[in-house]
Amino acid sequence: MDGHLQREDFGKVREMTIPALSEAAIRQQATAESFRRGQNYYRQGAVVSLVQRGNVIQAEVEGSQYMPYQVRVTFDEGGITDAICSCPYDWGGWCKHIVAALLACLHEPATIEARPVLEELLADLDREQLQSLLLHLADHDPDLVGKIESQIALPQSVQVSASPPRRTAVDPQPVRRQ
């Protein structure tokens, strides 16, 4: 059984499919415990949002923390190519949040909100509008300035090193004991 959703593409609605999505495929990528717990999360309604932009599905899934975990699933015509979550799970396979998000995609495809990819959103903006948007976003997200700076090649005389040189010597003894 495939997960389906409707997506507007240049004014036309067309069927979008996440190839090879099935409970068996999800089970195969998760431990039995992660699948069981993800299934419980799905049944309890812990998947609070599903958004598709092109071949990426982003989900918010409630968990043990106050803020929902962020899940990102990338797929192509062959199926899922990557699935990541902001939770600290590191015991092999997909975590319960990824499982819950994919079960929601599979069983409730109408809940997936189709949105345009970023390229489409920015395509009609002129230079001034793009610059204004970036400045506004940077005012509200101080880390964004550093991210932009790291992507833009600055002249040699202006480049800032990642960290200033150390003023004290490093003691190698604690490192050797590990």
N, C-alpha and C. Protein backbone atom coordinates (compact mmCIF):
# COMPACT_ATOMS: atom_id res chain seq x y z
N MET A 1 0.84 -1.19 0.00
CA MET A 1 0.00 0.00 0.00
C MET A 1 0.88 1.24 0.00
N ASP A 2 0.68 2.16 -0.92
CA ASP A 2 1.47 3.39 -1.00
C ASP A 2 0.77 4.52 -0.26
N GLY A 3 1.59 5.48 0.26
CA GLY A 3 1.02 6.70 0.83
C GLY A 3 0.84 7.70 -0.30
N HIS A 4 -0.34 8.29 -0.41
CA HIS A 4 -0.63 9.23 -1.48
C HIS A 4 -0.99 10.58 -0.89
N LEU A 5 -0.79 11.63 -1.67
CA LEU A 5 -1.25 12.95 -1.29
C LEU A 5 -1.45 13.77 -2.53
N GLN A 6 -2.22 14.81 -2.40
CA GLN A 6 -2.46 15.71 -3.52
C GLN A 6 -1.50 16.88 -3.40
N ARG A 7 -0.98 17.34 -4.52
CA ARG A 7 -0.07 18.46 -4.51
C ARG A 7 -0.40 19.37 -5.68
N GLU A 8 -0.50 20.66 -5.42
CA GLU A 8 -0.70 21.60 -6.50
C GLU A 8 0.65 21.91 -7.10
N ASP A 9 0.74 21.78 -8.40
CA ASP A 9 1.98 22.04 -9.09
C ASP A 9 1.64 22.93 -10.29
N PHE A 10 1.98 24.22 -10.19
CA PHE A 10 1.67 25.18 -11.24
C PHE A 10 0.18 25.19 -11.55
N GLY A 11 -0.64 25.18 -10.50
CA GLY A 11 -2.08 25.28 -10.66
C GLY A 11 -2.78 23.97 -10.94
N LYS A 12 -2.04 22.89 -11.14
CA LYS A 12 -2.64 21.59 -11.43
C LYS A 12 -2.50 20.69 -10.20
N VAL A 13 -3.54 19.95 -9.91
CA VAL A 13 -3.45 18.99 -8.82
C VAL A 13 -3.04 17.66 -9.42
N ARG A 14 -2.01 17.08 -8.84
CA ARG A 14 -1.60 15.77 -9.33
C ARG A 14 -1.31 14.87 -8.13
N GLU A 15 -1.41 13.60 -8.36
CA GLU A 15 -1.20 12.61 -7.31
C GLU A 15 0.30 12.47 -7.03
N MET A 16 0.68 12.54 -5.77
CA MET A 16 2.07 12.32 -5.39
C MET A 16 2.11 11.03 -4.57
N THR A 17 3.12 10.24 -4.75
CA THR A 17 3.24 8.97 -4.06
C THR A 17 4.61 8.86 -3.41
N ILE A 18 4.63 8.33 -2.21
CA ILE A 18 5.89 7.97 -1.57
C ILE A 18 6.09 6.50 -1.93
N PRO A 19 6.93 6.22 -2.91
CA PRO A 19 7.08 4.85 -3.40
C PRO A 19 7.48 3.86 -2.30
N ALA A 20 6.93 2.68 -2.41
CA ALA A 20 7.29 1.55 -1.54
C ALA A 20 7.01 1.80 -0.07
N LEU A 21 6.13 2.74 0.27
CA LEU A 21 5.80 2.98 1.67
C LEU A 21 4.73 1.99 2.11
N SER A 22 5.08 1.20 3.10
CA SER A 22 4.15 0.21 3.66
C SER A 22 4.56 -0.02 5.10
N GLU A 23 3.66 -0.63 5.87
CA GLU A 23 4.02 -0.94 7.26
C GLU A 23 5.21 -1.89 7.29
N ALA A 24 5.26 -2.82 6.36
CA ALA A 24 6.38 -3.77 6.31
C ALA A 24 7.70 -3.03 6.06
N ALA A 25 7.68 -2.06 5.15
CA ALA A 25 8.90 -1.29 4.85
C ALA A 25 9.33 -0.46 6.06
N ILE A 26 8.36 0.09 6.79
CA ILE A 26 8.68 0.87 7.99
C ILE A 26 9.25 -0.04 9.06
N ARG A 27 8.61 -1.20 9.27
CA ARG A 27 9.09 -2.18 10.26
C ARG A 27 10.52 -2.62 9.98
N GLN A 28 10.83 -2.76 8.69
CA GLN A 28 12.15 -3.24 8.29
C GLN A 28 13.26 -2.27 8.71
N GLN A 29 12.95 -0.98 8.80
CA GLN A 29 13.96 0.02 9.12
C GLN A 29 14.01 0.40 10.60
N ALA A 30 13.12 -0.16 11.41
CA ALA A 30 13.05 0.16 12.84
C ALA A 30 13.20 -1.11 13.66
N THR A 31 13.64 -0.95 14.89
CA THR A 31 13.63 -2.09 15.80
C THR A 31 12.17 -2.39 16.15
N ALA A 32 11.92 -3.58 16.68
CA ALA A 32 10.55 -3.94 17.06
C ALA A 32 10.02 -2.96 18.10
N GLU A 33 10.86 -2.57 19.05
CA GLU A 33 10.45 -1.63 20.10
C GLU A 33 10.16 -0.25 19.53
N SER A 34 11.01 0.24 18.64
CA SER A 34 10.76 1.55 18.02
C SER A 34 9.48 1.53 17.20
N PHE A 35 9.24 0.44 16.49
CA PHE A 35 8.01 0.36 15.70
C PHE A 35 6.80 0.37 16.61
N ARG A 36 6.83 -0.44 17.68
CA ARG A 36 5.69 -0.52 18.60
C ARG A 36 5.42 0.85 19.23
N ARG A 37 6.47 1.52 19.69
CA ARG A 37 6.29 2.82 20.33
C ARG A 37 5.87 3.88 19.32
N GLY A 38 6.40 3.82 18.10
CA GLY A 38 5.99 4.75 17.06
C GLY A 38 4.54 4.55 16.68
N GLN A 39 4.12 3.30 16.64
CA GLN A 39 2.72 2.98 16.34
C GLN A 39 1.81 3.56 17.43
N ASN A 40 2.24 3.45 18.69
CA ASN A 40 1.47 4.04 19.78
C ASN A 40 1.41 5.56 19.65
N TYR A 41 2.53 6.18 19.32
CA TYR A 41 2.54 7.64 19.12
C TYR A 41 1.58 8.03 18.00
N TYR A 42 1.61 7.30 16.91
CA TYR A 42 0.71 7.58 15.79
C TYR A 42 -0.74 7.47 16.24
N ARG A 43 -1.08 6.37 16.92
CA ARG A 43 -2.46 6.14 17.37
C ARG A 43 -2.93 7.19 18.38
N GLN A 44 -2.00 7.72 19.18
CA GLN A 44 -2.34 8.74 20.17
C GLN A 44 -2.42 10.14 19.57
N GLY A 45 -2.10 10.27 18.29
CA GLY A 45 -2.17 11.57 17.64
C GLY A 45 -0.97 12.45 17.89
N ALA A 46 0.19 11.86 18.14
CA ALA A 46 1.40 12.63 18.44
C ALA A 46 1.99 13.33 17.21
N VAL A 47 1.57 12.93 16.02
CA VAL A 47 2.06 13.59 14.80
C VAL A 47 1.20 14.85 14.63
N VAL A 48 1.80 16.01 14.93
CA VAL A 48 1.01 17.25 14.94
C VAL A 48 1.07 18.01 13.62
N SER A 49 2.03 17.71 12.77
CA SER A 49 2.04 18.34 11.44
C SER A 49 2.82 17.49 10.46
N LEU A 50 2.36 17.53 9.21
CA LEU A 50 3.03 16.86 8.09
C LEU A 50 3.01 17.84 6.92
N VAL A 51 4.18 18.18 6.43
CA VAL A 51 4.30 19.12 5.31
C VAL A 51 5.20 18.49 4.26
N GLN A 52 4.75 18.54 3.01
CA GLN A 52 5.59 18.05 1.92
C GLN A 52 6.00 19.22 1.04
N ARG A 53 7.30 19.30 0.78
CA ARG A 53 7.88 20.25 -0.17
C ARG A 53 8.71 19.42 -1.14
N GLY A 54 8.18 19.24 -2.34
CA GLY A 54 8.90 18.42 -3.31
C GLY A 54 9.03 16.99 -2.82
N ASN A 55 10.26 16.50 -2.76
CA ASN A 55 10.50 15.11 -2.34
C ASN A 55 10.92 15.02 -0.87
N VAL A 56 10.50 16.00 -0.06
CA VAL A 56 10.82 16.00 1.36
C VAL A 56 9.53 16.16 2.17
N ILE A 57 9.39 15.31 3.17
CA ILE A 57 8.28 15.45 4.12
C ILE A 57 8.89 15.85 5.45
N GLN A 58 8.35 16.91 6.02
CA GLN A 58 8.77 17.36 7.34
C GLN A 58 7.59 17.16 8.28
N ALA A 59 7.89 16.62 9.46
CA ALA A 59 6.84 16.36 10.44
C ALA A 59 7.26 16.87 11.80
N GLU A 60 6.28 17.22 12.59
CA GLU A 60 6.50 17.51 14.00
C GLU A 60 5.78 16.41 14.77
N VAL A 61 6.52 15.78 15.69
CA VAL A 61 5.97 14.67 16.45
C VAL A 61 6.21 14.93 17.93
N GLU A 62 5.13 14.93 18.71
CA GLU A 62 5.27 15.13 20.15
C GLU A 62 6.00 13.94 20.75
N GLY A 63 6.76 14.24 21.80
CA GLY A 63 7.50 13.19 22.49
C GLY A 63 7.64 13.55 23.95
N SER A 64 8.74 13.15 24.55
CA SER A 64 8.95 13.37 25.98
C SER A 64 9.37 14.80 26.31
N GLN A 65 9.81 15.55 25.33
CA GLN A 65 10.21 16.93 25.55
C GLN A 65 9.03 17.86 25.32
N TYR A 66 9.13 19.10 25.83
CA TYR A 66 8.05 20.07 25.67
C TYR A 66 7.80 20.39 24.20
N MET A 67 8.88 20.64 23.45
CA MET A 67 8.76 20.97 22.03
C MET A 67 8.71 19.68 21.21
N PRO A 68 7.89 19.64 20.16
CA PRO A 68 7.85 18.45 19.30
C PRO A 68 9.19 18.21 18.62
N TYR A 69 9.46 16.95 18.33
CA TYR A 69 10.66 16.59 17.59
C TYR A 69 10.43 16.86 16.11
N GLN A 70 11.51 17.21 15.41
CA GLN A 70 11.45 17.52 13.98
C GLN A 70 11.92 16.29 13.20
N VAL A 71 11.06 15.80 12.32
CA VAL A 71 11.38 14.64 11.48
C VAL A 71 11.45 15.13 10.04
N ARG A 72 12.46 14.64 9.32
CA ARG A 72 12.62 14.99 7.90
C ARG A 72 12.85 13.70 7.12
N VAL A 73 11.98 13.44 6.16
CA VAL A 73 12.06 12.23 5.34
C VAL A 73 12.22 12.65 3.89
N THR A 74 13.28 12.17 3.25
CA THR A 74 13.54 12.47 1.84
C THR A 74 13.30 11.19 1.04
N PHE A 75 12.67 11.34 -0.11
CA PHE A 75 12.40 10.17 -0.94
C PHE A 75 12.58 10.52 -2.41
N ASP A 76 12.72 9.48 -3.22
CA ASP A 76 12.76 9.63 -4.67
C ASP A 76 11.86 8.55 -5.26
N GLU A 77 11.96 8.35 -6.57
CA GLU A 77 11.08 7.37 -7.21
C GLU A 77 11.30 5.94 -6.71
N GLY A 78 12.43 5.68 -6.08
CA GLY A 78 12.71 4.35 -5.56
C GLY A 78 12.26 4.13 -4.13
N GLY A 79 11.88 5.19 -3.45
CA GLY A 79 11.45 5.08 -2.06
C GLY A 79 12.17 6.07 -1.17
N ILE A 80 12.20 5.79 0.10
CA ILE A 80 12.82 6.68 1.09
C ILE A 80 14.33 6.59 0.97
N THR A 81 14.98 7.74 0.86
CA THR A 81 16.44 7.78 0.75
C THR A 81 17.10 8.23 2.04
N ASP A 82 16.36 8.92 2.91
CA ASP A 82 16.93 9.40 4.16
C ASP A 82 15.79 9.73 5.12
N ALA A 83 16.01 9.48 6.39
CA ALA A 83 15.04 9.84 7.42
C ALA A 83 15.82 10.22 8.67
N ILE A 84 15.61 11.45 9.15
CA ILE A 84 16.32 11.92 10.34
C ILE A 84 15.33 12.55 11.31
N CYS A 85 15.73 12.57 12.58
CA CYS A 85 14.89 13.13 13.63
C CYS A 85 15.77 13.93 14.58
N SER A 86 15.20 14.94 15.20
CA SER A 86 15.96 15.77 16.13
C SER A 86 16.10 15.14 17.52
N CYS A 87 15.51 13.97 17.73
CA CYS A 87 15.62 13.31 19.04
C CYS A 87 17.01 12.70 19.20
N PRO A 88 17.38 12.33 20.43
CA PRO A 88 18.72 11.78 20.66
C PRO A 88 18.86 10.28 20.39
N TYR A 89 17.85 9.63 19.85
CA TYR A 89 17.87 8.18 19.60
C TYR A 89 19.09 7.79 18.78
N ASP A 90 19.81 6.77 19.25
CA ASP A 90 21.02 6.33 18.55
C ASP A 90 21.26 4.83 18.76
N TRP A 91 20.19 4.05 18.64
CA TRP A 91 20.33 2.62 18.88
C TRP A 91 20.04 1.79 17.65
N GLY A 92 20.22 2.36 16.50
CA GLY A 92 20.04 1.62 15.26
C GLY A 92 18.63 1.69 14.71
N GLY A 93 18.55 1.91 13.41
CA GLY A 93 17.25 2.00 12.75
C GLY A 93 16.54 3.31 13.03
N TRP A 94 15.31 3.37 12.57
CA TRP A 94 14.51 4.58 12.73
C TRP A 94 13.94 4.67 14.14
N CYS A 95 13.85 5.89 14.65
CA CYS A 95 13.28 6.13 15.98
C CYS A 95 11.76 6.09 15.91
N LYS A 96 11.12 6.12 17.07
CA LYS A 96 9.66 6.06 17.15
C LYS A 96 8.99 7.27 16.50
N HIS A 97 9.67 8.42 16.48
CA HIS A 97 9.09 9.63 15.88
C HIS A 97 9.02 9.51 14.36
N ILE A 98 10.08 8.95 13.76
CA ILE A 98 10.07 8.71 12.31
C ILE A 98 8.99 7.69 11.97
N VAL A 99 8.91 6.63 12.77
CA VAL A 99 7.89 5.60 12.55
C VAL A 99 6.49 6.22 12.61
N ALA A 100 6.23 7.02 13.63
CA ALA A 100 4.90 7.65 13.78
C ALA A 100 4.59 8.55 12.59
N ALA A 101 5.56 9.34 12.16
CA ALA A 101 5.35 10.25 11.02
C ALA A 101 5.04 9.46 9.75
N LEU A 102 5.79 8.39 9.51
CA LEU A 102 5.56 7.60 8.29
C LEU A 102 4.24 6.84 8.34
N LEU A 103 3.84 6.39 9.52
CA LEU A 103 2.54 5.74 9.64
C LEU A 103 1.42 6.74 9.35
N ALA A 104 1.59 7.97 9.78
CA ALA A 104 0.60 9.01 9.48
C ALA A 104 0.55 9.27 7.97
N CYS A 105 1.71 9.32 7.32
CA CYS A 105 1.75 9.51 5.86
C CYS A 105 1.03 8.36 5.16
N LEU A 106 1.27 7.17 5.63
CA LEU A 106 0.69 5.98 5.01
C LEU A 106 -0.82 5.90 5.20
N HIS A 107 -1.28 6.11 6.43
CA HIS A 107 -2.69 5.89 6.75
C HIS A 107 -3.57 7.13 6.65
N GLU A 108 -2.96 8.30 6.68
CA GLU A 108 -3.74 9.55 6.62
C GLU A 108 -3.10 10.53 5.64
N PRO A 109 -2.97 10.14 4.38
CA PRO A 109 -2.28 11.01 3.42
C PRO A 109 -2.96 12.37 3.23
N ALA A 110 -4.24 12.46 3.51
CA ALA A 110 -4.94 13.75 3.36
C ALA A 110 -4.48 14.78 4.39
N THR A 111 -3.79 14.32 5.45
CA THR A 111 -3.30 15.26 6.46
C THR A 111 -1.98 15.91 6.07
N ILE A 112 -1.38 15.46 4.97
CA ILE A 112 -0.11 16.04 4.52
C ILE A 112 -0.41 17.34 3.78
N GLU A 113 0.16 18.41 4.28
CA GLU A 113 -0.03 19.71 3.64
C GLU A 113 1.04 19.91 2.58
N ALA A 114 0.62 20.05 1.34
CA ALA A 114 1.56 20.26 0.23
C ALA A 114 1.90 21.74 0.15
N ARG A 115 3.19 22.05 0.18
CA ARG A 115 3.65 23.43 0.05
C ARG A 115 4.72 23.48 -1.02
N PRO A 116 4.91 24.66 -1.63
CA PRO A 116 5.94 24.78 -2.67
C PRO A 116 7.34 24.65 -2.08
N VAL A 117 8.26 24.18 -2.91
CA VAL A 117 9.66 24.11 -2.50
C VAL A 117 10.21 25.54 -2.40
N LEU A 118 11.28 25.70 -1.67
CA LEU A 118 11.85 27.03 -1.43
C LEU A 118 12.18 27.76 -2.73
N GLU A 119 12.70 27.03 -3.71
CA GLU A 119 13.03 27.65 -4.99
C GLU A 119 11.82 28.34 -5.61
N GLU A 120 10.66 27.70 -5.51
CA GLU A 120 9.43 28.28 -6.05
C GLU A 120 9.01 29.51 -5.25
N LEU A 121 9.17 29.45 -3.93
CA LEU A 121 8.79 30.59 -3.09
C LEU A 121 9.63 31.82 -3.39
N LEU A 122 10.91 31.60 -3.69
CA LEU A 122 11.83 32.73 -3.89
C LEU A 122 11.92 33.18 -5.35
N ALA A 123 11.43 32.40 -6.27
CA ALA A 123 11.63 32.64 -7.70
C ALA A 123 11.19 34.03 -8.17
N ASP A 124 10.10 34.54 -7.66
CA ASP A 124 9.58 35.82 -8.16
C ASP A 124 10.06 37.03 -7.36
N LEU A 125 10.91 36.82 -6.37
CA LEU A 125 11.42 37.95 -5.59
C LEU A 125 12.60 38.59 -6.30
N ASP A 126 12.65 39.92 -6.28
CA ASP A 126 13.80 40.61 -6.86
C ASP A 126 14.91 40.72 -5.81
N ARG A 127 16.04 41.27 -6.21
CA ARG A 127 17.21 41.36 -5.33
C ARG A 127 16.87 42.09 -4.03
N GLU A 128 16.16 43.20 -4.14
CA GLU A 128 15.83 44.00 -2.95
C GLU A 128 14.93 43.22 -2.00
N GLN A 129 13.97 42.50 -2.54
CA GLN A 129 13.07 41.71 -1.71
C GLN A 129 13.82 40.56 -1.02
N LEU A 130 14.71 39.91 -1.75
CA LEU A 130 15.51 38.83 -1.17
C LEU A 130 16.40 39.35 -0.05
N GLN A 131 17.04 40.49 -0.30
CA GLN A 131 17.92 41.08 0.71
C GLN A 131 17.11 41.48 1.94
N SER A 132 15.96 42.09 1.74
CA SER A 132 15.10 42.49 2.85
C SER A 132 14.65 41.27 3.66
N LEU A 133 14.29 40.21 2.97
CA LEU A 133 13.88 38.98 3.64
C LEU A 133 15.01 38.41 4.49
N LEU A 134 16.21 38.32 3.92
CA LEU A 134 17.36 37.79 4.66
C LEU A 134 17.69 38.64 5.88
N LEU A 135 17.66 39.95 5.73
CA LEU A 135 17.95 40.83 6.85
C LEU A 135 16.91 40.68 7.96
N HIS A 136 15.66 40.56 7.58
CA HIS A 136 14.59 40.37 8.56
C HIS A 136 14.78 39.04 9.30
N LEU A 137 15.06 37.97 8.56
CA LEU A 137 15.27 36.67 9.18
C LEU A 137 16.49 36.67 10.10
N ALA A 138 17.56 37.33 9.67
CA ALA A 138 18.78 37.40 10.48
C ALA A 138 18.55 38.18 11.77
N ASP A 139 17.68 39.19 11.73
CA ASP A 139 17.35 39.94 12.94
C ASP A 139 16.69 39.04 13.98
N HIS A 140 15.97 38.03 13.53
CA HIS A 140 15.24 37.15 14.44
C HIS A 140 15.96 35.83 14.71
N ASP A 141 17.07 35.59 14.03
CA ASP A 141 17.84 34.36 14.21
C ASP A 141 19.33 34.69 14.10
N PRO A 142 19.96 35.03 15.23
CA PRO A 142 21.37 35.43 15.20
C PRO A 142 22.30 34.39 14.58
N ASP A 143 21.97 33.11 14.68
CA ASP A 143 22.81 32.06 14.08
C ASP A 143 22.81 32.12 12.56
N LEU A 144 21.78 32.70 11.99
CA LEU A 144 21.67 32.77 10.54
C LEU A 144 22.80 33.58 9.92
N VAL A 145 23.23 34.64 10.59
CA VAL A 145 24.32 35.46 10.06
C VAL A 145 25.58 34.61 9.90
N GLY A 146 25.91 33.82 10.90
CA GLY A 146 27.08 32.95 10.82
C GLY A 146 26.95 31.90 9.73
N LYS A 147 25.74 31.37 9.56
CA LYS A 147 25.51 30.37 8.51
C LYS A 147 25.69 30.99 7.13
N ILE A 148 25.16 32.18 6.95
CA ILE A 148 25.32 32.87 5.67
C ILE A 148 26.79 33.19 5.44
N GLU A 149 27.44 33.69 6.47
CA GLU A 149 28.85 34.06 6.37
C GLU A 149 29.71 32.86 5.98
N SER A 150 29.40 31.69 6.54
CA SER A 150 30.20 30.51 6.23
C SER A 150 30.00 30.02 4.80
N GLN A 151 28.90 30.41 4.17
CA GLN A 151 28.62 30.01 2.80
C GLN A 151 29.16 30.97 1.76
N ILE A 152 29.50 32.18 2.20
CA ILE A 152 29.98 33.21 1.28
C ILE A 152 31.48 33.35 1.44
N ALA A 153 32.20 33.28 0.33
CA ALA A 153 33.66 33.44 0.38
C ALA A 153 33.98 34.92 0.60
N LEU A 154 34.61 35.21 1.73
CA LEU A 154 35.01 36.58 2.03
C LEU A 154 36.43 36.81 1.54
N PRO A 155 36.78 38.04 1.20
CA PRO A 155 38.17 38.32 0.82
C PRO A 155 39.11 37.89 1.95
N GLN A 156 40.32 37.45 1.60
CA GLN A 156 41.30 36.96 2.56
C GLN A 156 41.48 37.92 3.73
N SER A 157 41.54 39.22 3.49
CA SER A 157 41.80 40.18 4.56
C SER A 157 40.63 40.30 5.53
N VAL A 158 39.44 39.85 5.12
CA VAL A 158 38.27 40.01 5.97
C VAL A 158 37.88 38.70 6.65
N GLN A 159 38.42 37.57 6.17
CA GLN A 159 38.02 36.28 6.71
C GLN A 159 38.31 36.20 8.20
N VAL A 160 37.34 35.65 8.91
CA VAL A 160 37.47 35.47 10.34
C VAL A 160 37.73 33.99 10.59
N SER A 161 38.72 33.69 11.41
CA SER A 161 39.00 32.29 11.70
C SER A 161 37.89 31.73 12.58
N ALA A 162 37.75 30.42 12.55
CA ALA A 162 36.69 29.78 13.32
C ALA A 162 36.85 30.03 14.82
N SER A 163 38.09 30.07 15.29
CA SER A 163 38.34 30.38 16.69
C SER A 163 39.70 31.06 16.80
N PRO A 164 39.84 31.93 17.78
CA PRO A 164 41.13 32.62 17.93
C PRO A 164 42.20 31.62 18.38
N PRO A 165 43.47 31.92 18.12
CA PRO A 165 44.53 31.00 18.54
C PRO A 165 44.56 30.89 20.07
N ARG A 166 44.94 29.69 20.54
CA ARG A 166 45.02 29.46 21.99
C ARG A 166 46.14 30.28 22.58
N ARG A 167 45.93 30.76 23.78
CA ARG A 167 46.96 31.53 24.50
C ARG A 167 47.66 30.66 25.54
N THR A 168 47.10 29.50 25.82
CA THR A 168 47.71 28.59 26.80
C THR A 168 47.97 27.25 26.13
N ALA A 169 48.92 26.51 26.68
CA ALA A 169 49.25 25.19 26.13
C ALA A 169 48.19 24.17 26.54
N VAL A 170 47.99 23.18 25.69
CA VAL A 170 47.06 22.10 25.98
C VAL A 170 47.81 21.00 26.70
N ASP A 171 47.25 20.49 27.80
CA ASP A 171 47.85 19.40 28.55
C ASP A 171 47.39 18.09 27.92
N PRO A 172 48.28 17.33 27.26
CA PRO A 172 47.88 16.10 26.56
C PRO A 172 47.60 14.92 27.50
N GLN A 173 47.98 14.99 28.77
CA GLN A 173 47.83 13.86 29.68
C GLN A 173 46.38 13.37 29.81
N PRO A 174 45.40 14.25 30.06
CA PRO A 174 44.02 13.74 30.18
C PRO A 174 43.55 13.07 28.89
N VAL A 175 43.99 13.53 27.76
CA VAL A 175 43.58 12.96 26.48
C VAL A 175 44.19 11.57 26.31
N ARG A 176 45.42 11.38 26.71
CA ARG A 176 46.10 10.09 26.56
C ARG A 176 45.46 9.01 27.42
N ARG A 177 44.89 9.39 28.57
CA ARG A 177 44.28 8.41 29.47
C ARG A 177 43.01 7.82 28.90
N GLN A 178 42.37 8.50 28.00
CA GLN A 178 41.10 8.01 27.46
C GLN A 178 41.38 6.95 26.49
